[in-house]
Structure formats: structure tokens, C-alpha cells
Amino acid sequence: MGETRLQWCKEQADEVKEIMVENYNKAVEREGKLGELELRSDDLLSKSKTFTKSTAKVSQQTRWENIKMKVVIGGVVTLLALVIIAIIIWYSVRDDPGEQTKVTPSVTPGN
């Protein structure tokens, strides 16, 4: 009976040993995966910081382009208004009723 009990204990110890070795291997494998996951998360963090900086730069560039466009459109509208005002003033000065041309009577020959 002692021998069978000893055999049973050895089998139990071998099973526990196999389970422990398997658990150790899984833990080492998880550690490798966790290390890889940590590297990926660090890479993602650096990429997100770069993305944030580039979006801020693009946003500022777009804002300046919009301001430039508004200035150009304002300049064109102002220039167009000045041209229209100049044309109106030119026509009003040219057709001034105070400066009517004098009509001289025509002289017919023989009178």
C-alpha cells in the first residue's frame, strides 16, 4: 500500500509540475505580449502627439488663408466701388447743367 501511495504522490507531483511549467510558459508568453503591447501604445502615443501638432498647424494655416481671401475680396469690392464712384462723378461733371454750350446764331450769306 505504501508503494501505491508513493506512486500516486509522484503522479500528482508530476501533474502539478506539468501545470506549473505550463503556467510559467504562459506567463512568459504574456510578458512578451504585454511588452509588445506597451511598445505599440508608446508608438500610438507619439503618433497622436504628432497628429495633434500637425492638425494645429493645418488649422492655423487654413485660418490665415481665410483671412487673406477676405482681405483680397474686400480689396476687390473696394476697388470696384471706387471705380463706380469715379464713373458716376465723371459723368456728373461732364453733364453739368451750369456749363451749357453757347449757341451762336448762324449768319446766312446775303443779309
PDB file of N, CA and C in Angstrom:
ATOM      1  N   MET A   1       0.801  -1.168   0.000  1.00  0.00           N
ATOM      2  CA  MET A   1       0.000   0.000   0.000  1.00  0.00           C
ATOM      3  C   MET A   1       0.865   1.261   0.000  1.00  0.00           C
ATOM      4  N   GLY A   2       1.983   1.285   0.641  1.00  0.00           N
ATOM      5  CA  GLY A   2       2.876   2.416   0.693  1.00  0.00           C
ATOM      6  C   GLY A   2       3.429   2.751  -0.670  1.00  0.00           C
ATOM      7  N   GLU A   3       3.670   1.656  -1.444  1.00  0.00           N
ATOM      8  CA  GLU A   3       4.237   1.875  -2.780  1.00  0.00           C
ATOM      9  C   GLU A   3       3.206   2.513  -3.693  1.00  0.00           C
ATOM     10  N   THR A   4       1.980   2.104  -3.632  1.00  0.00           N
ATOM     11  CA  THR A   4       0.947   2.702  -4.469  1.00  0.00           C
ATOM     12  C   THR A   4       0.682   4.145  -4.046  1.00  0.00           C
ATOM     13  N   ARG A   5       0.748   4.378  -2.742  1.00  0.00           N
ATOM     14  CA  ARG A   5       0.564   5.755  -2.259  1.00  0.00           C
ATOM     15  C   ARG A   5       1.717   6.629  -2.723  1.00  0.00           C
ATOM     16  N   LEU A   6       2.929   6.099  -2.705  1.00  0.00           N
ATOM     17  CA  LEU A   6       4.102   6.821  -3.183  1.00  0.00           C
ATOM     18  C   LEU A   6       3.977   7.075  -4.670  1.00  0.00           C
ATOM     19  N   GLN A   7       3.538   6.074  -5.408  1.00  0.00           N
ATOM     20  CA  GLN A   7       3.342   6.210  -6.858  1.00  0.00           C
ATOM     21  C   GLN A   7       2.298   7.289  -7.129  1.00  0.00           C
ATOM     22  N   TRP A   8       1.200   7.276  -6.360  1.00  0.00           N
ATOM     23  CA  TRP A   8       0.138   8.271  -6.530  1.00  0.00           C
ATOM     24  C   TRP A   8       0.671   9.668  -6.248  1.00  0.00           C
ATOM     25  N   CYS A   9       1.481   9.816  -5.223  1.00  0.00           N
ATOM     26  CA  CYS A   9       2.067  11.115  -4.882  1.00  0.00           C
ATOM     27  C   CYS A   9       2.998  11.603  -5.983  1.00  0.00           C
ATOM     28  N   LYS A  10       3.787  10.675  -6.573  1.00  0.00           N
ATOM     29  CA  LYS A  10       4.677  11.047  -7.682  1.00  0.00           C
ATOM     30  C   LYS A  10       3.865  11.497  -8.886  1.00  0.00           C
ATOM     31  N   GLU A  11       2.795  10.792  -9.176  1.00  0.00           N
ATOM     32  CA  GLU A  11       1.948  11.175 -10.308  1.00  0.00           C
ATOM     33  C   GLU A  11       1.328  12.559 -10.062  1.00  0.00           C
ATOM     34  N   GLN A  12       0.855  12.763  -8.851  1.00  0.00           N
ATOM     35  CA  GLN A  12       0.289  14.067  -8.504  1.00  0.00           C
ATOM     36  C   GLN A  12       1.347  15.162  -8.618  1.00  0.00           C
ATOM     37  N   ALA A  13       2.557  14.862  -8.152  1.00  0.00           N
ATOM     38  CA  ALA A  13       3.650  15.831  -8.230  1.00  0.00           C
ATOM     39  C   ALA A  13       4.008  16.102  -9.679  1.00  0.00           C
ATOM     40  N   ASP A  14       4.024  15.073 -10.523  1.00  0.00           N
ATOM     41  CA  ASP A  14       4.312  15.261 -11.954  1.00  0.00           C
ATOM     42  C   ASP A  14       3.228  16.107 -12.617  1.00  0.00           C
ATOM     43  N   GLU A  15       1.958  15.859 -12.258  1.00  0.00           N
ATOM     44  CA  GLU A  15       0.872  16.658 -12.808  1.00  0.00           C
ATOM     45  C   GLU A  15       1.002  18.116 -12.385  1.00  0.00           C
ATOM     46  N   VAL A  16       1.288  18.325 -11.126  1.00  0.00           N
ATOM     47  CA  VAL A  16       1.449  19.692 -10.619  1.00  0.00           C
ATOM     48  C   VAL A  16       2.637  20.352 -11.303  1.00  0.00           C
ATOM     49  N   LYS A  17       3.705  19.579 -11.512  1.00  0.00           N
ATOM     50  CA  LYS A  17       4.900  20.109 -12.179  1.00  0.00           C
ATOM     51  C   LYS A  17       4.563  20.521 -13.610  1.00  0.00           C
ATOM     52  N   GLU A  18       3.820  19.681 -14.319  1.00  0.00           N
ATOM     53  CA  GLU A  18       3.435  19.991 -15.692  1.00  0.00           C
ATOM     54  C   GLU A  18       2.565  21.248 -15.727  1.00  0.00           C
ATOM     55  N   ILE A  19       1.633  21.333 -14.783  1.00  0.00           N
ATOM     56  CA  ILE A  19       0.761  22.505 -14.731  1.00  0.00           C
ATOM     57  C   ILE A  19       1.576  23.759 -14.430  1.00  0.00           C
ATOM     58  N   MET A  20       2.509  23.656 -13.507  1.00  0.00           N
ATOM     59  CA  MET A  20       3.349  24.794 -13.149  1.00  0.00           C
ATOM     60  C   MET A  20       4.228  25.220 -14.333  1.00  0.00           C
ATOM     61  N   VAL A  21       4.813  24.249 -15.053  1.00  0.00           N
ATOM     62  CA  VAL A  21       5.637  24.567 -16.223  1.00  0.00           C
ATOM     63  C   VAL A  21       4.785  25.229 -17.293  1.00  0.00           C
ATOM     64  N   GLU A  22       3.580  24.712 -17.489  1.00  0.00           N
ATOM     65  CA  GLU A  22       2.664  25.296 -18.475  1.00  0.00           C
ATOM     66  C   GLU A  22       2.277  26.721 -18.066  1.00  0.00           C
ATOM     67  N   ASN A  23       1.982  26.914 -16.795  1.00  0.00           N
ATOM     68  CA  ASN A  23       1.636  28.253 -16.307  1.00  0.00           C
ATOM     69  C   ASN A  23       2.820  29.208 -16.452  1.00  0.00           C
ATOM     70  N   TYR A  24       4.013  28.710 -16.168  1.00  0.00           N
ATOM     71  CA  TYR A  24       5.210  29.547 -16.319  1.00  0.00           C
ATOM     72  C   TYR A  24       5.395  29.956 -17.786  1.00  0.00           C
ATOM     73  N   ASN A  25       5.236  29.001 -18.692  1.00  0.00           N
ATOM     74  CA  ASN A  25       5.375  29.299 -20.126  1.00  0.00           C
ATOM     75  C   ASN A  25       4.322  30.315 -20.578  1.00  0.00           C
ATOM     76  N   LYS A  26       3.100  30.163 -20.065  1.00  0.00           N
ATOM     77  CA  LYS A  26       2.048  31.123 -20.411  1.00  0.00           C
ATOM     78  C   LYS A  26       2.380  32.505 -19.861  1.00  0.00           C
ATOM     79  N   ALA A  27       2.930  32.544 -18.644  1.00  0.00           N
ATOM     80  CA  ALA A  27       3.298  33.831 -18.047  1.00  0.00           C
ATOM     81  C   ALA A  27       4.402  34.500 -18.858  1.00  0.00           C
ATOM     82  N   VAL A  28       5.384  33.732 -19.303  1.00  0.00           N
ATOM     83  CA  VAL A  28       6.463  34.295 -20.127  1.00  0.00           C
ATOM     84  C   VAL A  28       5.897  34.788 -21.453  1.00  0.00           C
ATOM     85  N   GLU A  29       4.992  34.025 -22.034  1.00  0.00           N
ATOM     86  CA  GLU A  29       4.366  34.424 -23.299  1.00  0.00           C
ATOM     87  C   GLU A  29       3.556  35.708 -23.114  1.00  0.00           C
ATOM     88  N   ARG A  30       2.795  35.804 -22.009  1.00  0.00           N
ATOM     89  CA  ARG A  30       2.022  37.014 -21.717  1.00  0.00           C
ATOM     90  C   ARG A  30       2.939  38.207 -21.516  1.00  0.00           C
ATOM     91  N   GLU A  31       4.060  37.968 -20.853  1.00  0.00           N
ATOM     92  CA  GLU A  31       5.011  39.063 -20.625  1.00  0.00           C
ATOM     93  C   GLU A  31       5.516  39.610 -21.957  1.00  0.00           C
ATOM     94  N   GLY A  32       5.792  38.718 -22.902  1.00  0.00           N
ATOM     95  CA  GLY A  32       6.224  39.156 -24.231  1.00  0.00           C
ATOM     96  C   GLY A  32       5.133  39.934 -24.938  1.00  0.00           C
ATOM     97  N   LYS A  33       3.895  39.444 -24.838  1.00  0.00           N
ATOM     98  CA  LYS A  33       2.771  40.143 -25.465  1.00  0.00           C
ATOM     99  C   LYS A  33       2.525  41.490 -24.807  1.00  0.00           C
ATOM    100  N   LEU A  34       2.662  41.540 -23.479  1.00  0.00           N
ATOM    101  CA  LEU A  34       2.482  42.815 -22.779  1.00  0.00           C
ATOM    102  C   LEU A  34       3.572  43.806 -23.161  1.00  0.00           C
ATOM    103  N   GLY A  35       4.789  43.323 -23.322  1.00  0.00           N
ATOM    104  CA  GLY A  35       5.882  44.199 -23.765  1.00  0.00           C
ATOM    105  C   GLY A  35       5.606  44.753 -25.153  1.00  0.00           C
ATOM    106  N   GLU A  36       5.129  43.880 -26.038  1.00  0.00           N
ATOM    107  CA  GLU A  36       4.782  44.319 -27.396  1.00  0.00           C
ATOM    108  C   GLU A  36       3.634  45.316 -27.365  1.00  0.00           C
ATOM    109  N   LEU A  37       2.649  45.062 -26.515  1.00  0.00           N
ATOM    110  CA  LEU A  37       1.514  45.972 -26.380  1.00  0.00           C
ATOM    111  C   LEU A  37       1.969  47.324 -25.837  1.00  0.00           C
ATOM    112  N   GLU A  38       2.899  47.317 -24.900  1.00  0.00           N
ATOM    113  CA  GLU A  38       3.426  48.565 -24.360  1.00  0.00           C
ATOM    114  C   GLU A  38       4.166  49.353 -25.439  1.00  0.00           C
ATOM    115  N   LEU A  39       4.940  48.667 -26.267  1.00  0.00           N
ATOM    116  CA  LEU A  39       5.633  49.344 -27.366  1.00  0.00           C
ATOM    117  C   LEU A  39       4.632  49.949 -28.348  1.00  0.00           C
ATOM    118  N   ARG A  40       3.590  49.201 -28.651  1.00  0.00           N
ATOM    119  CA  ARG A  40       2.569  49.718 -29.564  1.00  0.00           C
ATOM    120  C   ARG A  40       1.878  50.945 -28.981  1.00  0.00           C
ATOM    121  N   SER A  41       1.572  50.900 -27.688  1.00  0.00           N
ATOM    122  CA  SER A  41       0.889  52.038 -27.068  1.00  0.00           C
ATOM    123  C   SER A  41       1.801  53.263 -27.033  1.00  0.00           C
ATOM    124  N   ASP A  42       3.101  53.068 -26.784  1.00  0.00           N
ATOM    125  CA  ASP A  42       4.035  54.200 -26.823  1.00  0.00           C
ATOM    126  C   ASP A  42       4.113  54.784 -28.227  1.00  0.00           C
ATOM    127  N   ASP A  43       4.139  53.905 -29.230  1.00  0.00           N
ATOM    128  CA  ASP A  43       4.170  54.362 -30.623  1.00  0.00           C
ATOM    129  C   ASP A  43       2.899  55.127 -30.962  1.00  0.00           C
ATOM    130  N   LEU A  44       1.778  54.605 -30.516  1.00  0.00           N
ATOM    131  CA  LEU A  44       0.497  55.276 -30.764  1.00  0.00           C
ATOM    132  C   LEU A  44       0.448  56.635 -30.075  1.00  0.00           C
ATOM    133  N   LEU A  45       0.998  56.721 -28.877  1.00  0.00           N
ATOM    134  CA  LEU A  45       1.030  57.991 -28.158  1.00  0.00           C
ATOM    135  C   LEU A  45       1.872  59.020 -28.905  1.00  0.00           C
ATOM    136  N   SER A  46       3.030  58.613 -29.384  1.00  0.00           N
ATOM    137  CA  SER A  46       3.881  59.560 -30.118  1.00  0.00           C
ATOM    138  C   SER A  46       3.225  59.980 -31.431  1.00  0.00           C
ATOM    139  N   LYS A  47       2.557  59.052 -32.093  1.00  0.00           N
ATOM    140  CA  LYS A  47       1.863  59.401 -33.335  1.00  0.00           C
ATOM    141  C   LYS A  47       0.699  60.347 -33.068  1.00  0.00           C
ATOM    142  N   SER A  48       0.010  60.147 -31.954  1.00  0.00           N
ATOM    143  CA  SER A  48      -1.113  61.037 -31.645  1.00  0.00           C
ATOM    144  C   SER A  48      -0.614  62.446 -31.332  1.00  0.00           C
ATOM    145  N   LYS A  49       0.533  62.554 -30.656  1.00  0.00           N
ATOM    146  CA  LYS A  49       1.101  63.886 -30.394  1.00  0.00           C
ATOM    147  C   LYS A  49       1.495  64.564 -31.696  1.00  0.00           C
ATOM    148  N   THR A  50       2.101  63.810 -32.610  1.00  0.00           N
ATOM    149  CA  THR A  50       2.466  64.363 -33.907  1.00  0.00           C
ATOM    150  C   THR A  50       1.223  64.796 -34.674  1.00  0.00           C
ATOM    151  N   PHE A  51       0.178  63.978 -34.620  1.00  0.00           N
ATOM    152  CA  PHE A  51      -1.070  64.306 -35.305  1.00  0.00           C
ATOM    153  C   PHE A  51      -1.683  65.579 -34.728  1.00  0.00           C
ATOM    154  N   THR A  52      -1.658  65.717 -33.416  1.00  0.00           N
ATOM    155  CA  THR A  52      -2.208  66.912 -32.779  1.00  0.00           C
ATOM    156  C   THR A  52      -1.456  68.154 -33.225  1.00  0.00           C
ATOM    157  N   LYS A  53      -0.127  68.068 -33.278  1.00  0.00           N
ATOM    158  CA  LYS A  53       0.670  69.218 -33.717  1.00  0.00           C
ATOM    159  C   LYS A  53       0.367  69.555 -35.174  1.00  0.00           C
ATOM    160  N   SER A  54       0.268  68.531 -36.019  1.00  0.00           N
ATOM    161  CA  SER A  54       0.026  68.804 -37.438  1.00  0.00           C
ATOM    162  C   SER A  54      -1.373  69.362 -37.670  1.00  0.00           C
ATOM    163  N   THR A  55      -2.366  68.905 -36.911  1.00  0.00           N
ATOM    164  CA  THR A  55      -3.708  69.463 -37.080  1.00  0.00           C
ATOM    165  C   THR A  55      -3.763  70.913 -36.618  1.00  0.00           C
ATOM    166  N   ALA A  56      -3.027  71.235 -35.566  1.00  0.00           N
ATOM    167  CA  ALA A  56      -2.987  72.634 -35.116  1.00  0.00           C
ATOM    168  C   ALA A  56      -2.334  73.511 -36.176  1.00  0.00           C
ATOM    169  N   LYS A  57      -1.275  72.992 -36.792  1.00  0.00           N
ATOM    170  CA  LYS A  57      -0.577  73.750 -37.837  1.00  0.00           C
ATOM    171  C   LYS A  57      -1.478  73.941 -39.055  1.00  0.00           C
ATOM    172  N   VAL A  58      -2.167  72.888 -39.468  1.00  0.00           N
ATOM    173  CA  VAL A  58      -3.077  72.985 -40.617  1.00  0.00           C
ATOM    174  C   VAL A  58      -4.228  73.931 -40.304  1.00  0.00           C
ATOM    175  N   SER A  59      -4.737  73.889 -39.086  1.00  0.00           N
ATOM    176  CA  SER A  59      -5.823  74.780 -38.691  1.00  0.00           C
ATOM    177  C   SER A  59      -5.385  76.240 -38.763  1.00  0.00           C
ATOM    178  N   GLN A  60      -4.188  76.519 -38.260  1.00  0.00           N
ATOM    179  CA  GLN A  60      -3.670  77.892 -38.308  1.00  0.00           C
ATOM    180  C   GLN A  60      -3.440  78.329 -39.753  1.00  0.00           C
ATOM    181  N   GLN A  61      -2.919  77.430 -40.582  1.00  0.00           N
ATOM    182  CA  GLN A  61      -2.675  77.752 -41.989  1.00  0.00           C
ATOM    183  C   GLN A  61      -3.995  78.046 -42.701  1.00  0.00           C
ATOM    184  N   THR A  62      -5.009  77.257 -42.425  1.00  0.00           N
ATOM    185  CA  THR A  62      -6.322  77.467 -43.037  1.00  0.00           C
ATOM    186  C   THR A  62      -6.919  78.798 -42.588  1.00  0.00           C
ATOM    187  N   ARG A  63      -6.743  79.121 -41.301  1.00  0.00           N
ATOM    188  CA  ARG A  63      -7.252  80.390 -40.789  1.00  0.00           C
ATOM    189  C   ARG A  63      -6.602  81.557 -41.522  1.00  0.00           C
ATOM    190  N   TRP A  64      -5.273  81.508 -41.713  1.00  0.00           N
ATOM    191  CA  TRP A  64      -4.584  82.585 -42.431  1.00  0.00           C
ATOM    192  C   TRP A  64      -5.031  82.672 -43.884  1.00  0.00           C
ATOM    193  N   GLU A  65      -5.255  81.517 -44.518  1.00  0.00           N
ATOM    194  CA  GLU A  65      -5.743  81.530 -45.902  1.00  0.00           C
ATOM    195  C   GLU A  65      -7.115  82.193 -45.973  1.00  0.00           C
ATOM    196  N   ASN A  66      -7.977  81.922 -45.002  1.00  0.00           N
ATOM    197  CA  ASN A  66      -9.301  82.547 -44.979  1.00  0.00           C
ATOM    198  C   ASN A  66      -9.188  84.059 -44.785  1.00  0.00           C
ATOM    199  N   ILE A  67      -8.287  84.477 -43.901  1.00  0.00           N
ATOM    200  CA  ILE A  67      -8.090  85.912 -43.679  1.00  0.00           C
ATOM    201  C   ILE A  67      -7.578  86.574 -44.950  1.00  0.00           C
ATOM    202  N   LYS A  68      -6.611  85.948 -45.611  1.00  0.00           N
ATOM    203  CA  LYS A  68      -6.073  86.502 -46.867  1.00  0.00           C
ATOM    204  C   LYS A  68      -7.167  86.615 -47.914  1.00  0.00           C
ATOM    205  N   MET A  69      -8.023  85.588 -48.016  1.00  0.00           N
ATOM    206  CA  MET A  69      -9.097  85.608 -49.002  1.00  0.00           C
ATOM    207  C   MET A  69     -10.072  86.739 -48.708  1.00  0.00           C
ATOM    208  N   LYS A  70     -10.398  86.951 -47.431  1.00  0.00           N
ATOM    209  CA  LYS A  70     -11.309  88.039 -47.069  1.00  0.00           C
ATOM    210  C   LYS A  70     -10.692  89.392 -47.397  1.00  0.00           C
ATOM    211  N   VAL A  71      -9.389  89.546 -47.170  1.00  0.00           N
ATOM    212  CA  VAL A  71      -8.716  90.808 -47.489  1.00  0.00           C
ATOM    213  C   VAL A  71      -8.735  91.046 -48.997  1.00  0.00           C
ATOM    214  N   VAL A  72      -8.468  90.004 -49.782  1.00  0.00           N
ATOM    215  CA  VAL A  72      -8.468  90.147 -51.245  1.00  0.00           C
ATOM    216  C   VAL A  72      -9.869  90.505 -51.737  1.00  0.00           C
ATOM    217  N   ILE A  73     -10.883  89.817 -51.233  1.00  0.00           N
ATOM    218  CA  ILE A  73     -12.257  90.107 -51.662  1.00  0.00           C
ATOM    219  C   ILE A  73     -12.646  91.523 -51.241  1.00  0.00           C
ATOM    220  N   GLY A  74     -12.267  91.924 -50.026  1.00  0.00           N
ATOM    221  CA  GLY A  74     -12.549  93.290 -49.582  1.00  0.00           C
ATOM    222  C   GLY A  74     -11.865  94.318 -50.458  1.00  0.00           C
ATOM    223  N   GLY A  75     -10.626  94.047 -50.857  1.00  0.00           N
ATOM    224  CA  GLY A  75      -9.901  94.961 -51.740  1.00  0.00           C
ATOM    225  C   GLY A  75     -10.560  95.074 -53.101  1.00  0.00           C
ATOM    226  N   VAL A  76     -10.982  93.940 -53.642  1.00  0.00           N
ATOM    227  CA  VAL A  76     -11.632  93.954 -54.955  1.00  0.00           C
ATOM    228  C   VAL A  76     -12.953  94.712 -54.887  1.00  0.00           C
ATOM    229  N   VAL A  77     -13.732  94.491 -53.835  1.00  0.00           N
ATOM    230  CA  VAL A  77     -15.018  95.187 -53.687  1.00  0.00           C
ATOM    231  C   VAL A  77     -14.779  96.686 -53.530  1.00  0.00           C
ATOM    232  N   THR A  78     -13.776  97.061 -52.737  1.00  0.00           N
ATOM    233  CA  THR A  78     -13.453  98.476 -52.552  1.00  0.00           C
ATOM    234  C   THR A  78     -13.015  99.108 -53.866  1.00  0.00           C
ATOM    235  N   LEU A  79     -12.162  98.422 -54.602  1.00  0.00           N
ATOM    236  CA  LEU A  79     -11.696  98.931 -55.897  1.00  0.00           C
ATOM    237  C   LEU A  79     -12.864  99.077 -56.864  1.00  0.00           C
ATOM    238  N   LEU A  80     -13.736  98.102 -56.892  1.00  0.00           N
ATOM    239  CA  LEU A  80     -14.906  98.158 -57.767  1.00  0.00           C
ATOM    240  C   LEU A  80     -15.805  99.330 -57.371  1.00  0.00           C
ATOM    241  N   ALA A  81     -15.994  99.541 -56.070  1.00  0.00           N
ATOM    242  CA  ALA A  81     -16.826 100.669 -55.605  1.00  0.00           C
ATOM    243  C   ALA A  81     -16.182 101.994 -56.001  1.00  0.00           C
ATOM    244  N   LEU A  82     -14.861 102.105 -55.859  1.00  0.00           N
ATOM    245  CA  LEU A  82     -14.175 103.341 -56.253  1.00  0.00           C
ATOM    246  C   LEU A  82     -14.302 103.608 -57.748  1.00  0.00           C
ATOM    247  N   VAL A  83     -14.196 102.548 -58.549  1.00  0.00           N
ATOM    248  CA  VAL A  83     -14.345 102.716 -59.997  1.00  0.00           C
ATOM    249  C   VAL A  83     -15.754 103.182 -60.329  1.00  0.00           C
ATOM    250  N   ILE A  84     -16.759 102.608 -59.693  1.00  0.00           N
ATOM    251  CA  ILE A  84     -18.146 103.011 -59.956  1.00  0.00           C
ATOM    252  C   ILE A  84     -18.364 104.457 -59.519  1.00  0.00           C
ATOM    253  N   ILE A  85     -17.839 104.820 -58.348  1.00  0.00           N
ATOM    254  CA  ILE A  85     -17.972 106.208 -57.885  1.00  0.00           C
ATOM    255  C   ILE A  85     -17.258 107.166 -58.831  1.00  0.00           C
ATOM    256  N   ALA A  86     -16.083 106.792 -59.310  1.00  0.00           N
ATOM    257  CA  ALA A  86     -15.342 107.642 -60.247  1.00  0.00           C
ATOM    258  C   ALA A  86     -16.119 107.827 -61.546  1.00  0.00           C
ATOM    259  N   ILE A  87     -16.732 106.769 -62.032  1.00  0.00           N
ATOM    260  CA  ILE A  87     -17.520 106.869 -63.269  1.00  0.00           C
ATOM    261  C   ILE A  87     -18.724 107.785 -63.049  1.00  0.00           C
ATOM    262  N   ILE A  88     -19.391 107.642 -61.921  1.00  0.00           N
ATOM    263  CA  ILE A  88     -20.546 108.485 -61.627  1.00  0.00           C
ATOM    264  C   ILE A  88     -20.124 109.950 -61.545  1.00  0.00           C
ATOM    265  N   ILE A  89     -19.031 110.215 -60.838  1.00  0.00           N
ATOM    266  CA  ILE A  89     -18.543 111.598 -60.719  1.00  0.00           C
ATOM    267  C   ILE A  89     -18.150 112.144 -62.084  1.00  0.00           C
ATOM    268  N   TRP A  90     -17.500 111.359 -62.898  1.00  0.00           N
ATOM    269  CA  TRP A  90     -17.059 111.814 -64.231  1.00  0.00           C
ATOM    270  C   TRP A  90     -18.254 112.174 -65.097  1.00  0.00           C
ATOM    271  N   TYR A  91     -19.291 111.320 -65.088  1.00  0.00           N
ATOM    272  CA  TYR A  91     -20.482 111.623 -65.879  1.00  0.00           C
ATOM    273  C   TYR A  91     -21.224 112.840 -65.325  1.00  0.00           C
ATOM    274  N   SER A  92     -21.254 112.992 -64.018  1.00  0.00           N
ATOM    275  CA  SER A  92     -21.973 114.138 -63.457  1.00  0.00           C
ATOM    276  C   SER A  92     -21.222 115.441 -63.734  1.00  0.00           C
ATOM    277  N   VAL A  93     -19.920 115.449 -63.769  1.00  0.00           N
ATOM    278  CA  VAL A  93     -19.148 116.653 -64.081  1.00  0.00           C
ATOM    279  C   VAL A  93     -19.249 116.962 -65.573  1.00  0.00           C
ATOM    280  N   ARG A  94     -19.226 115.968 -66.379  1.00  0.00           N
ATOM    281  CA  ARG A  94     -19.285 116.158 -67.827  1.00  0.00           C
ATOM    282  C   ARG A  94     -20.640 116.707 -68.265  1.00  0.00           C
ATOM    283  N   ASP A  95     -21.682 116.295 -67.616  1.00  0.00           N
ATOM    284  CA  ASP A  95     -23.031 116.730 -67.990  1.00  0.00           C
ATOM    285  C   ASP A  95     -23.539 117.819 -67.046  1.00  0.00           C
ATOM    286  N   ASP A  96     -22.656 118.669 -66.515  1.00  0.00           N
ATOM    287  CA  ASP A  96     -23.037 119.719 -65.577  1.00  0.00           C
ATOM    288  C   ASP A  96     -23.922 120.735 -66.297  1.00  0.00           C
ATOM    289  N   PRO A  97     -25.125 121.024 -65.788  1.00  0.00           N
ATOM    290  CA  PRO A  97     -26.034 121.959 -66.470  1.00  0.00           C
ATOM    291  C   PRO A  97     -25.547 123.400 -66.403  1.00  0.00           C
ATOM    292  N   GLY A  98     -24.650 123.761 -65.524  1.00  0.00           N
ATOM    293  CA  GLY A  98     -24.143 125.123 -65.429  1.00  0.00           C
ATOM    294  C   GLY A  98     -23.231 125.466 -66.595  1.00  0.00           C
ATOM    295  N   GLU A  99     -22.710 124.497 -67.237  1.00  0.00           N
ATOM    296  CA  GLU A  99     -21.788 124.756 -68.350  1.00  0.00           C
ATOM    297  C   GLU A  99     -22.441 124.359 -69.666  1.00  0.00           C
ATOM    298  N   GLN A 100     -23.494 125.058 -70.036  1.00  0.00           N
ATOM    299  CA  GLN A 100     -24.144 124.756 -71.296  1.00  0.00           C
ATOM    300  C   GLN A 100     -23.376 125.448 -72.407  1.00  0.00           C
ATOM    301  N   THR A 101     -23.340 124.826 -73.489  1.00  0.00           N
ATOM    302  CA  THR A 101     -22.606 125.429 -74.625  1.00  0.00           C
ATOM    303  C   THR A 101     -23.436 126.550 -75.213  1.00  0.00           C
ATOM    304  N   LYS A 102     -22.747 127.619 -75.586  1.00  0.00           N
ATOM    305  CA  LYS A 102     -23.432 128.772 -76.150  1.00  0.00           C
ATOM    306  C   LYS A 102     -23.698 128.506 -77.643  1.00  0.00           C
ATOM    307  N   VAL A 103     -24.920 128.778 -77.998  1.00  0.00           N
ATOM    308  CA  VAL A 103     -25.301 128.600 -79.383  1.00  0.00           C
ATOM    309  C   VAL A 103     -25.206 129.978 -80.052  1.00  0.00           C
ATOM    310  N   THR A 104     -24.412 130.040 -81.066  1.00  0.00           N
ATOM    311  CA  THR A 104     -24.294 131.309 -81.790  1.00  0.00           C
ATOM    312  C   THR A 104     -25.219 131.243 -82.980  1.00  0.00           C
ATOM    313  N   PRO A 105     -25.924 132.337 -83.194  1.00  0.00           N
ATOM    314  CA  PRO A 105     -26.836 132.309 -84.348  1.00  0.00           C
ATOM    315  C   PRO A 105     -26.015 132.233 -85.624  1.00  0.00           C
ATOM    316  N   SER A 106     -26.549 131.467 -86.496  1.00  0.00           N
ATOM    317  CA  SER A 106     -25.834 131.316 -87.776  1.00  0.00           C
ATOM    318  C   SER A 106     -26.203 132.478 -88.679  1.00  0.00           C
ATOM    319  N   VAL A 107     -25.234 132.934 -89.335  1.00  0.00           N
ATOM    320  CA  VAL A 107     -25.420 134.070 -90.250  1.00  0.00           C
ATOM    321  C   VAL A 107     -25.579 133.488 -91.634  1.00  0.00           C
ATOM    322  N   THR A 108     -26.636 133.911 -92.257  1.00  0.00           N
ATOM    323  CA  THR A 108     -26.867 133.440 -93.620  1.00  0.00           C
ATOM    324  C   THR A 108     -26.211 134.423 -94.573  1.00  0.00           C
ATOM    325  N   PRO A 109     -25.644 133.977 -95.600  1.00  0.00           N
ATOM    326  CA  PRO A 109     -24.980 134.873 -96.516  1.00  0.00           C
ATOM    327  C   PRO A 109     -26.024 135.775 -97.234  1.00  0.00           C
ATOM    328  N   GLY A 110     -25.734 136.933 -97.379  1.00  0.00           N
ATOM    329  CA  GLY A 110     -26.547 137.898 -98.098  1.00  0.00           C
ATOM    330  C   GLY A 110     -27.354 138.758 -97.168  1.00  0.00           C
ATOM    331  N   ASN A 111     -27.315 138.658 -96.009  1.00  0.00           N
ATOM    332  CA  ASN A 111     -28.055 139.540 -95.112  1.00  0.00           C
ATOM    333  C   ASN A 111     -27.226 140.625 -94.623  1.00  0.00           C
TER     334      ASN A 111
END
